[in-house]
Amino acid sequence: MQGTSSLIAYFSRRGENYVAGKIVDLPLGNTEVAATFIQELTGGRLFRIEPVKAYPAGYDETTEVAKQELRQNARPPLKGEPGSLIDCEVVLLGFPNWWDTMPMAVFTFLEAHDFSGKTILPFCTHEGSGMGRCAKDIQRLCPGATVAKGLSLRGSGVRDSKPALANWLRESGLID
């Protein structure tokens, strides 16, 4: 897949986050850190998946909103679009694991585009739950796409994850 056109689409939340058993204020969300490393390694185009209505500043309040969105199977409207995906062969899709799946804004993004014939490489950040059922959800939402082996990263270690990301990208055939 080297030399292919890629999009790095990610959802990430700055501010109060749960990291290594504590609530900490992050200037950049963990998934954004990983997405930026991937962009540096691949040269792919970055797109931030961002809901029109921002999540609350507090961690506890955000988890309650996320839980409610999941229960309601919500599809929050998004700010912006990634542009044309016609020439894009690979989508690196990043998100935190919220309640064993992706934030509902990522569902909105996936349902808004046709990923037929494209390869999706998911990467997620978490604090112990791994990929959860995310890959299955992506496959269900994007039946014409190939969902390749994903990578889950502990949020508490994401700032040191560039070597793991590079290894995953090499195994996926995106970089040498």
Foldseek 3Di string as FASTA:
>chain_A
DAPAAEEEEEEFDAAFDQAPNDTDGGPTGLQVLLSVLVCVQQVYHYDYWAAPDHQDRYPVSNLVVQVVCVVVLHAGHTPDDPPDCPRHQEYEYEAEQRPQEGRNSVLNNLLVDAQANHEYAYEYEYQPNFNRCHLVVSCVSHVRYHYDYYYYHYSNCSNVCSVVSNVVCVVVVHHD
